[in-house]
Amino acid sequence: MAGRLDALRSRWSQQPERARHWALPVGAILVAVLYPFYVGILPTVFPNVSIAVVMIIFTMMALGLNIVVGYAGLLDLGYVAFYAAGAYIAAWLASLHFEDISFHFGSVGVDRDAPGIHISVWLVLIVAGLFTTVVGILIGLPTLRLRGDYLALVTLGFGEIIPQFVRNADEAGIGFDLTHGTFGITPIDSIGFGGTLGKIGLPDTYRTSENRAELYFWTALVLLLLTVLCSVRLRDSRLGRAWIAIREDETAAAAMGVPLMRTKTWSYAMGAFFGGVAGAFYAVYKSGAFPADFYFQFSVFLLCMVILGGMGSVWGVIVGALILSYLDREGLAELGDRFGDVIGQNIDVPKYAFGIYGAIIVIMMLIRPTGLIPERRHKIEMEEGVRDTPFYDVATEGTFTDRDSRDD
């Protein structure tokens, strides 16, 4: 057996470097694309397709937050605001909510006489991303002059303002029904390709399709792949290197000519874009935008995904997001059922979800502080450390006294 493994390793090492570089990503994509076809033969511990859709959407949001926290090093505790903004853009532009208006543009599966605004959901996703980008810039401009804990507190404030606005922006609050208060806006139009593209085999609308969950799964997977591609390209771009410079040492980055405010604002804008698209798609998948989804703990939940996977690491964040989103949607309940069968008593494990997530993060910080799949630069920094001179030694560093003490 050992000889066979050695032979496989030898043959693998002989393959071209480009093939070895792309083998794992291509294999992972194939496994993900084919998941709906073989999930039925897997053990019940694996998530079904409907839950997998939510996991992919949460992963997309985590990648957006990783641009802000992992690349630029800005602690954002209000990311749920972009998620909420994207969801309500989808609710306003693709639903019956505004009954006094009747506007249709590219909508599918909706009666042409139906009241409300009905724009093609594909366009709505783009509009949601652009709108949240503007929101990210507006939030970033007054807050990014701050650093550290002060920045975290201000973003926390914005993250709390948006959900409260959504809950109270009904007729009694601002004079007309903007968000339908605590009831939310439902139903939201479905994604589809219409009758023209339907002639070549594409579904007219996902809502009436027999394999609705599978269609949403593959669409979410495409959006995730686009997010990954953009994240990698941004990381390796000139802007991405400026983000990393700010993360490593903001003062040094400014001294080297990096425009701090503009560069930080771009990180907020890019992170907000993906959060808005993911929020709009999630609202379309659930066919509704509900204030109960936009709570502060969700921002912390996404931050835990980034920390668990490895801040700044695209592949690490994907793994961390998939693990925690699975635990949140099904894993903890499954764990509680199995543990309850062993001890003969029902235990509501999901009730202790955030305590469990906190314990996971604490354990990770003690055992593997760089995350499951750490970013290369961050890993080197944590393993080798950086040379730092205490303040009280700066006055004597480099003098005869300093050299004499080191010689001793």
Protein backbone atom coordinates (compact mmCIF):
# COMPACT_ATOMS: atom_id res chain seq x y z
CA MET A 1 0.00 0.00 0.00
CA ALA A 2 2.80 2.42 0.90
CA GLY A 3 4.58 1.64 -2.37
CA ARG A 4 1.42 2.38 -4.34
CA LEU A 5 0.99 5.74 -2.59
CA ASP A 6 4.63 6.60 -3.31
CA ALA A 7 4.08 5.76 -6.96
CA LEU A 8 1.00 8.00 -7.10
CA ARG A 9 2.92 10.85 -5.49
CA SER A 10 5.74 10.40 -7.98
CA ARG A 11 3.36 10.47 -10.94
CA TRP A 12 1.59 13.52 -9.52
CA SER A 13 4.88 15.40 -9.09
CA GLN A 14 5.72 14.69 -12.72
CA GLN A 15 2.59 16.44 -13.97
CA PRO A 16 2.93 19.99 -15.34
CA GLU A 17 2.77 22.67 -12.67
CA ARG A 18 -0.19 24.35 -14.35
CA ALA A 19 -2.18 21.09 -14.28
CA ARG A 20 -1.42 20.57 -10.59
CA HIS A 21 -2.39 24.16 -9.84
CA TRP A 22 -5.84 23.82 -11.44
CA ALA A 23 -6.59 20.21 -10.49
CA LEU A 24 -8.04 20.92 -7.04
CA PRO A 25 -10.25 23.91 -8.01
CA VAL A 26 -11.62 22.16 -11.10
CA GLY A 27 -12.28 18.99 -9.11
CA ALA A 28 -14.08 20.95 -6.38
CA ILE A 29 -16.25 22.71 -8.98
CA LEU A 30 -17.21 19.40 -10.60
CA VAL A 31 -18.11 17.89 -7.22
CA ALA A 32 -20.25 20.94 -6.41
CA VAL A 33 -22.01 21.08 -9.80
CA LEU A 34 -22.95 17.39 -9.66
CA TYR A 35 -24.04 17.52 -6.00
CA PRO A 36 -27.82 17.47 -6.69
CA PHE A 37 -27.41 14.22 -8.68
CA TYR A 38 -25.68 12.18 -5.97
CA VAL A 39 -26.85 13.78 -2.71
CA GLY A 40 -29.66 11.20 -2.53
CA ILE A 41 -27.21 8.32 -2.05
CA LEU A 42 -25.17 10.11 0.62
CA PRO A 43 -25.76 9.65 4.37
CA THR A 44 -28.44 11.87 5.89
CA VAL A 45 -25.78 13.97 7.60
CA PHE A 46 -25.12 15.71 4.25
CA PRO A 47 -27.35 18.74 3.58
CA ASN A 48 -30.11 18.54 1.02
CA VAL A 49 -30.11 20.82 -2.01
CA SER A 50 -32.36 23.48 -0.43
CA ILE A 51 -30.04 23.90 2.54
CA ALA A 52 -27.01 23.85 0.22
CA VAL A 53 -28.44 26.90 -1.58
CA VAL A 54 -28.50 28.87 1.68
CA MET A 55 -24.98 27.69 2.51
CA ILE A 56 -23.71 28.99 -0.83
CA ILE A 57 -25.42 32.36 -0.32
CA PHE A 58 -23.88 32.72 3.14
CA THR A 59 -20.50 31.81 1.70
CA MET A 60 -20.86 34.58 -0.86
CA MET A 61 -21.61 37.07 1.92
CA ALA A 62 -18.59 35.86 3.90
CA LEU A 63 -16.35 36.42 0.87
CA GLY A 64 -17.69 39.96 0.60
CA LEU A 65 -16.91 40.58 4.27
CA ASN A 66 -13.46 39.06 3.76
CA ILE A 67 -12.61 41.93 1.40
CA VAL A 68 -13.21 44.40 4.22
CA VAL A 69 -11.87 42.42 7.18
CA GLY A 70 -9.39 40.03 5.59
CA TYR A 71 -7.85 42.19 2.87
CA ALA A 72 -8.05 45.71 4.29
CA GLY A 73 -8.02 44.76 7.99
CA LEU A 74 -11.09 46.87 8.85
CA LEU A 75 -13.29 45.39 11.57
CA ASP A 76 -16.86 45.66 10.26
CA LEU A 77 -19.65 44.69 12.67
CA GLY A 78 -22.48 46.06 10.55
CA TYR A 79 -22.26 43.97 7.38
CA VAL A 80 -25.87 42.91 7.84
CA ALA A 81 -26.85 46.40 6.64
CA PHE A 82 -25.73 45.57 3.08
CA TYR A 83 -27.52 42.24 3.22
CA ALA A 84 -30.74 44.02 4.24
CA ALA A 85 -30.34 46.72 1.58
CA GLY A 86 -29.93 44.14 -1.17
CA ALA A 87 -32.93 42.13 0.01
CA TYR A 88 -35.25 45.13 0.07
CA ILE A 89 -34.08 46.36 -3.32
CA ALA A 90 -35.25 42.98 -4.66
CA ALA A 91 -38.52 43.35 -2.75
CA TRP A 92 -39.20 46.84 -4.11
CA LEU A 93 -38.30 46.14 -7.73
CA ALA A 94 -39.81 42.67 -8.15
CA SER A 95 -43.03 42.36 -6.16
CA LEU A 96 -46.62 43.56 -5.77
CA HIS A 97 -45.63 45.91 -2.95
CA PHE A 98 -46.19 49.27 -4.67
CA GLU A 99 -49.78 48.71 -5.73
CA ASP A 100 -50.26 52.24 -7.11
CA ILE A 101 -47.60 51.60 -9.75
CA SER A 102 -47.73 49.15 -12.63
CA PHE A 103 -44.33 48.82 -14.31
CA HIS A 104 -42.99 45.71 -16.03
CA PHE A 105 -39.58 45.25 -17.61
CA GLY A 106 -38.31 41.78 -18.46
CA SER A 107 -40.28 40.06 -15.72
CA VAL A 108 -41.21 36.39 -16.11
CA GLY A 109 -44.02 34.39 -14.57
CA VAL A 110 -45.99 37.56 -13.72
CA ASP A 111 -49.30 38.67 -15.20
CA ARG A 112 -48.79 41.81 -17.30
CA ASP A 113 -51.78 43.42 -15.59
CA ALA A 114 -50.39 42.79 -12.10
CA PRO A 115 -49.77 45.96 -10.04
CA GLY A 116 -46.37 46.80 -8.61
CA ILE A 117 -42.87 47.06 -10.04
CA HIS A 118 -41.72 43.93 -11.83
CA ILE A 119 -38.21 44.12 -13.28
CA SER A 120 -36.25 41.08 -14.42
CA VAL A 121 -34.64 39.54 -11.35
CA TRP A 122 -31.34 39.24 -13.23
CA LEU A 123 -31.28 43.03 -13.54
CA VAL A 124 -32.46 43.39 -9.94
CA LEU A 125 -29.41 41.50 -8.71
CA ILE A 126 -27.14 43.96 -10.52
CA VAL A 127 -29.12 46.97 -9.27
CA ALA A 128 -28.96 45.60 -5.72
CA GLY A 129 -25.18 45.28 -5.96
CA LEU A 130 -24.78 48.81 -7.32
CA PHE A 131 -27.15 50.26 -4.72
CA THR A 132 -25.33 48.62 -1.82
CA THR A 133 -22.04 49.81 -3.31
CA VAL A 134 -23.32 53.38 -2.99
CA VAL A 135 -24.54 52.60 0.53
CA GLY A 136 -21.10 51.22 1.38
CA ILE A 137 -19.45 54.42 0.14
CA LEU A 138 -21.89 56.61 2.09
CA ILE A 139 -21.30 54.60 5.26
CA GLY A 140 -17.57 54.39 4.69
CA LEU A 141 -16.84 58.07 4.09
CA PRO A 142 -17.75 59.31 7.60
CA THR A 143 -16.55 56.19 9.46
CA LEU A 144 -13.27 55.16 7.85
CA ARG A 145 -11.41 58.08 9.38
CA LEU A 146 -11.53 56.03 12.57
CA ARG A 147 -9.41 53.03 13.48
CA GLY A 148 -9.64 49.88 15.52
CA ASP A 149 -12.33 49.67 18.18
CA TYR A 150 -13.82 53.04 17.25
CA LEU A 151 -14.41 51.87 13.69
CA ALA A 152 -16.00 48.66 14.96
CA LEU A 153 -18.38 50.61 17.22
CA VAL A 154 -19.48 52.96 14.43
CA THR A 155 -20.10 50.12 11.97
CA LEU A 156 -22.03 48.35 14.71
CA GLY A 157 -24.19 51.44 14.99
CA PHE A 158 -24.94 51.48 11.27
CA GLY A 159 -25.66 47.77 11.41
CA GLU A 160 -28.29 48.42 14.06
CA ILE A 161 -29.80 51.49 12.36
CA ILE A 162 -30.68 49.72 9.11
CA PRO A 163 -32.72 46.84 10.68
CA GLN A 164 -34.56 49.30 12.94
CA PHE A 165 -35.37 51.46 9.94
CA VAL A 166 -36.67 48.43 8.07
CA ARG A 167 -38.92 47.44 10.96
CA ASN A 168 -40.39 50.92 11.35
CA ALA A 169 -40.51 52.28 7.79
CA ASP A 170 -44.17 51.46 7.30
CA GLU A 171 -47.12 53.78 6.87
CA ALA A 172 -47.18 54.89 10.50
CA GLY A 173 -43.51 55.79 10.46
CA ILE A 174 -42.75 57.82 7.32
CA GLY A 175 -46.15 58.52 5.76
CA PHE A 176 -46.33 55.59 3.36
CA ASP A 177 -45.62 51.87 3.45
CA LEU A 178 -42.00 51.44 2.37
CA THR A 179 -41.05 48.14 3.99
CA HIS A 180 -44.37 46.80 5.34
CA GLY A 181 -42.94 46.87 8.84
CA THR A 182 -42.38 43.67 10.75
CA PHE A 183 -44.43 41.65 8.26
CA GLY A 184 -41.89 42.09 5.50
CA ILE A 185 -42.55 42.10 1.76
CA THR A 186 -43.76 38.94 0.06
CA PRO A 187 -44.03 37.41 -2.50
CA ILE A 188 -41.03 38.39 -4.63
CA ASP A 189 -40.90 37.47 -8.30
CA SER A 190 -39.00 34.35 -9.29
CA ILE A 191 -35.91 34.07 -11.45
CA GLY A 192 -36.45 32.72 -14.93
CA PHE A 193 -35.48 33.02 -18.58
CA GLY A 194 -38.87 33.70 -20.13
CA GLY A 195 -40.55 32.16 -23.11
CA THR A 196 -37.90 33.15 -25.66
CA LEU A 197 -34.97 31.42 -23.97
CA GLY A 198 -37.33 28.73 -22.73
CA LYS A 199 -37.57 27.44 -26.30
CA ILE A 200 -33.94 26.25 -26.08
CA GLY A 201 -34.54 24.30 -22.88
CA LEU A 202 -34.00 26.95 -20.19
CA PRO A 203 -36.77 27.21 -17.56
CA ASP A 204 -39.38 29.89 -18.04
CA THR A 205 -39.52 30.54 -14.28
CA TYR A 206 -37.89 28.71 -11.38
CA ARG A 207 -41.00 28.91 -9.19
CA THR A 208 -43.09 26.52 -11.27
CA SER A 209 -40.24 24.23 -12.24
CA GLU A 210 -40.16 20.67 -10.90
CA ASN A 211 -36.48 21.00 -9.96
CA ARG A 212 -36.72 24.45 -8.38
CA ALA A 213 -34.13 23.77 -5.67
CA GLU A 214 -31.60 22.44 -8.18
CA LEU A 215 -32.00 25.48 -10.43
CA TYR A 216 -31.45 27.86 -7.51
CA PHE A 217 -28.48 25.74 -6.42
CA TRP A 218 -26.72 26.01 -9.78
CA THR A 219 -27.51 29.72 -10.06
CA ALA A 220 -26.13 30.35 -6.58
CA LEU A 221 -23.05 28.33 -7.49
CA VAL A 222 -22.44 30.51 -10.56
CA LEU A 223 -22.75 33.65 -8.41
CA LEU A 224 -20.32 32.15 -5.89
CA LEU A 225 -17.77 31.32 -8.61
CA LEU A 226 -18.00 34.89 -9.92
CA THR A 227 -17.46 36.17 -6.37
CA VAL A 228 -14.41 33.93 -5.95
CA LEU A 229 -12.99 35.07 -9.29
CA CYS A 230 -13.45 38.73 -8.40
CA SER A 231 -11.99 38.20 -4.91
CA VAL A 232 -8.86 36.54 -6.26
CA ARG A 233 -8.38 39.15 -8.98
CA LEU A 234 -8.90 41.99 -6.50
CA ARG A 235 -6.44 40.44 -4.05
CA ASP A 236 -3.71 40.26 -6.71
CA SER A 237 -4.43 43.70 -8.17
CA ARG A 238 -2.76 46.98 -7.32
CA LEU A 239 -5.78 47.91 -5.20
CA GLY A 240 -5.58 44.58 -3.35
CA ARG A 241 -1.91 45.13 -2.54
CA ALA A 242 -2.82 48.56 -1.18
CA TRP A 243 -5.47 46.95 1.03
CA ILE A 244 -2.93 44.47 2.37
CA ALA A 245 -0.43 47.28 3.00
CA ILE A 246 -3.06 49.12 5.07
CA ARG A 247 -3.84 45.92 6.96
CA GLU A 248 -0.20 45.31 7.80
CA ASP A 249 0.73 48.88 8.80
CA GLU A 250 -1.56 51.80 8.07
CA THR A 251 1.03 54.43 8.99
CA ALA A 252 3.70 52.89 6.77
CA ALA A 253 1.20 52.54 3.90
CA ALA A 254 0.34 56.25 4.15
CA ALA A 255 4.04 57.15 4.21
CA MET A 256 4.55 55.14 1.01
CA GLY A 257 1.84 57.10 -0.77
CA VAL A 258 -1.23 54.89 -0.37
CA PRO A 259 -4.35 57.11 -0.22
CA LEU A 260 -5.94 55.75 2.94
CA MET A 261 -9.49 57.10 2.70
CA ARG A 262 -9.96 56.27 -0.96
CA THR A 263 -8.48 52.80 -0.61
CA LYS A 264 -10.51 51.97 2.49
CA THR A 265 -13.69 53.24 0.86
CA TRP A 266 -13.10 50.97 -2.13
CA SER A 267 -12.86 47.98 0.21
CA TYR A 268 -16.21 48.91 1.76
CA ALA A 269 -17.74 49.41 -1.66
CA MET A 270 -16.51 46.07 -3.04
CA GLY A 271 -17.57 44.17 0.06
CA ALA A 272 -20.97 45.86 0.02
CA PHE A 273 -21.52 44.94 -3.64
CA PHE A 274 -21.27 41.20 -3.02
CA GLY A 275 -23.29 41.47 0.18
CA GLY A 276 -26.06 43.25 -1.71
CA VAL A 277 -26.17 40.71 -4.54
CA ALA A 278 -26.24 37.83 -2.06
CA GLY A 279 -28.98 39.53 -0.01
CA ALA A 280 -31.13 40.11 -3.10
CA PHE A 281 -30.69 36.53 -4.27
CA TYR A 282 -31.54 35.19 -0.80
CA ALA A 283 -34.73 37.29 -0.74
CA VAL A 284 -35.70 35.97 -4.18
CA TYR A 285 -35.01 32.40 -3.07
CA LYS A 286 -37.16 32.82 0.05
CA SER A 287 -39.68 34.85 -1.99
CA GLY A 288 -39.70 37.52 0.69
CA ALA A 289 -37.68 40.10 2.63
CA PHE A 290 -38.31 39.91 6.39
CA PRO A 291 -36.82 42.15 9.12
CA ALA A 292 -36.28 39.14 11.37
CA ASP A 293 -33.43 38.05 9.09
CA PHE A 294 -31.39 41.22 9.65
CA TYR A 295 -30.18 40.99 13.21
CA PHE A 296 -26.79 41.97 14.64
CA GLN A 297 -25.82 38.39 15.40
CA PHE A 298 -25.76 37.68 11.68
CA SER A 299 -22.85 40.12 11.21
CA VAL A 300 -20.98 38.32 13.99
CA PHE A 301 -21.88 34.99 12.40
CA LEU A 302 -20.30 36.05 9.10
CA LEU A 303 -17.25 37.38 10.94
CA CYS A 304 -16.85 34.00 12.63
CA MET A 305 -16.80 32.38 9.18
CA VAL A 306 -13.94 34.63 8.10
CA ILE A 307 -11.97 34.03 11.30
CA LEU A 308 -12.52 30.28 11.24
CA GLY A 309 -11.43 29.89 7.63
CA GLY A 310 -8.54 32.33 7.78
CA MET A 311 -8.72 36.10 7.34
CA GLY A 312 -7.66 37.10 3.86
CA SER A 313 -7.76 33.54 2.54
CA VAL A 314 -10.39 33.02 -0.16
CA TRP A 315 -10.38 29.24 0.06
CA GLY A 316 -10.24 29.31 3.84
CA VAL A 317 -13.28 31.59 4.07
CA ILE A 318 -15.19 29.25 1.74
CA VAL A 319 -14.45 26.27 3.99
CA GLY A 320 -15.23 28.19 7.19
CA ALA A 321 -18.47 29.55 5.76
CA LEU A 322 -19.65 26.14 4.57
CA ILE A 323 -18.92 24.57 7.97
CA LEU A 324 -20.67 27.21 10.09
CA SER A 325 -23.61 27.68 7.72
CA TYR A 326 -24.17 23.91 7.72
CA LEU A 327 -24.09 23.83 11.51
CA ASP A 328 -26.51 26.75 11.63
CA ARG A 329 -29.02 25.31 9.17
CA GLU A 330 -28.95 21.60 9.92
CA GLY A 331 -25.81 20.36 11.63
CA LEU A 332 -26.59 21.38 15.20
CA ALA A 333 -30.12 19.98 15.01
CA GLU A 334 -28.75 16.73 13.61
CA LEU A 335 -26.13 16.65 16.35
CA GLY A 336 -28.79 17.20 19.00
CA ASP A 337 -30.95 14.36 17.65
CA ARG A 338 -28.06 11.91 17.58
CA PHE A 339 -26.81 12.89 21.02
CA GLY A 340 -30.36 12.73 22.38
CA ASP A 341 -30.75 9.17 21.06
CA VAL A 342 -27.58 8.15 22.89
CA ILE A 343 -28.55 9.56 26.29
CA GLY A 344 -32.29 9.00 25.86
CA GLN A 345 -33.25 12.64 26.30
CA ASN A 346 -34.07 15.39 23.80
CA ILE A 347 -31.58 18.26 23.77
CA ASP A 348 -32.23 21.50 21.89
CA VAL A 349 -28.66 22.03 20.68
CA PRO A 350 -29.52 24.91 18.27
CA LYS A 351 -30.55 26.97 21.32
CA TYR A 352 -26.86 27.10 22.29
CA ALA A 353 -25.69 27.88 18.74
CA PHE A 354 -23.75 31.07 19.42
CA GLY A 355 -22.14 29.56 22.50
CA ILE A 356 -20.95 26.68 20.34
CA TYR A 357 -19.69 29.04 17.64
CA GLY A 358 -17.84 31.04 20.28
CA ALA A 359 -16.23 27.90 21.65
CA ILE A 360 -15.14 26.90 18.15
CA ILE A 361 -13.51 30.30 17.58
CA VAL A 362 -11.74 30.22 20.98
CA ILE A 363 -10.39 26.74 20.28
CA MET A 364 -9.25 27.86 16.83
CA MET A 365 -7.45 30.86 18.29
CA LEU A 366 -5.59 28.59 20.70
CA ILE A 367 -4.76 25.77 18.31
CA ARG A 368 -4.61 27.40 14.86
CA PRO A 369 -4.86 31.19 15.11
CA THR A 370 -4.30 31.69 11.37
CA GLY A 371 -7.47 29.74 10.46
CA LEU A 372 -8.17 26.44 8.74
CA ILE A 373 -6.57 27.50 5.45
CA PRO A 374 -4.47 30.56 6.29
CA GLU A 375 -3.34 33.22 3.88
CA ARG A 376 0.34 32.75 3.06
CA ARG A 377 1.44 36.20 4.21
CA HIS A 378 -0.57 36.00 7.44
CA LYS A 379 0.78 32.51 8.16
CA ILE A 380 4.40 33.62 7.80
CA GLU A 381 3.77 36.61 10.04
CA MET A 382 2.24 34.43 12.77
CA GLU A 383 4.95 31.75 12.57
CA GLU A 384 8.04 33.96 12.27
CA GLY A 385 6.74 37.07 13.99
CA VAL A 386 8.00 40.59 13.42
CA ARG A 387 10.86 42.38 15.12
CA ASP A 388 9.51 44.99 17.48
CA THR A 389 11.45 47.24 19.85
CA PRO A 390 9.75 48.24 23.10
CA PHE A 391 9.26 51.98 23.47
CA TYR A 392 11.63 52.26 26.41
CA ASP A 393 14.47 50.72 24.32
CA VAL A 394 14.12 53.04 21.33
CA ALA A 395 16.30 55.73 22.90
CA THR A 396 19.27 53.37 23.22
CA GLU A 397 18.76 51.25 20.09
CA GLY A 398 21.82 51.40 17.84
CA THR A 399 24.05 53.14 20.41
CA PHE A 400 27.15 51.76 22.07
CA THR A 401 25.07 50.88 25.14
CA ASP A 402 22.67 48.87 23.02
CA ARG A 403 25.47 46.98 21.22
CA ASP A 404 27.31 46.30 24.47
CA SER A 405 24.16 44.84 26.05
CA ARG A 406 23.61 42.56 23.05
CA ASP A 407 27.26 41.43 23.09
CA ASP A 408 26.89 40.49 26.75
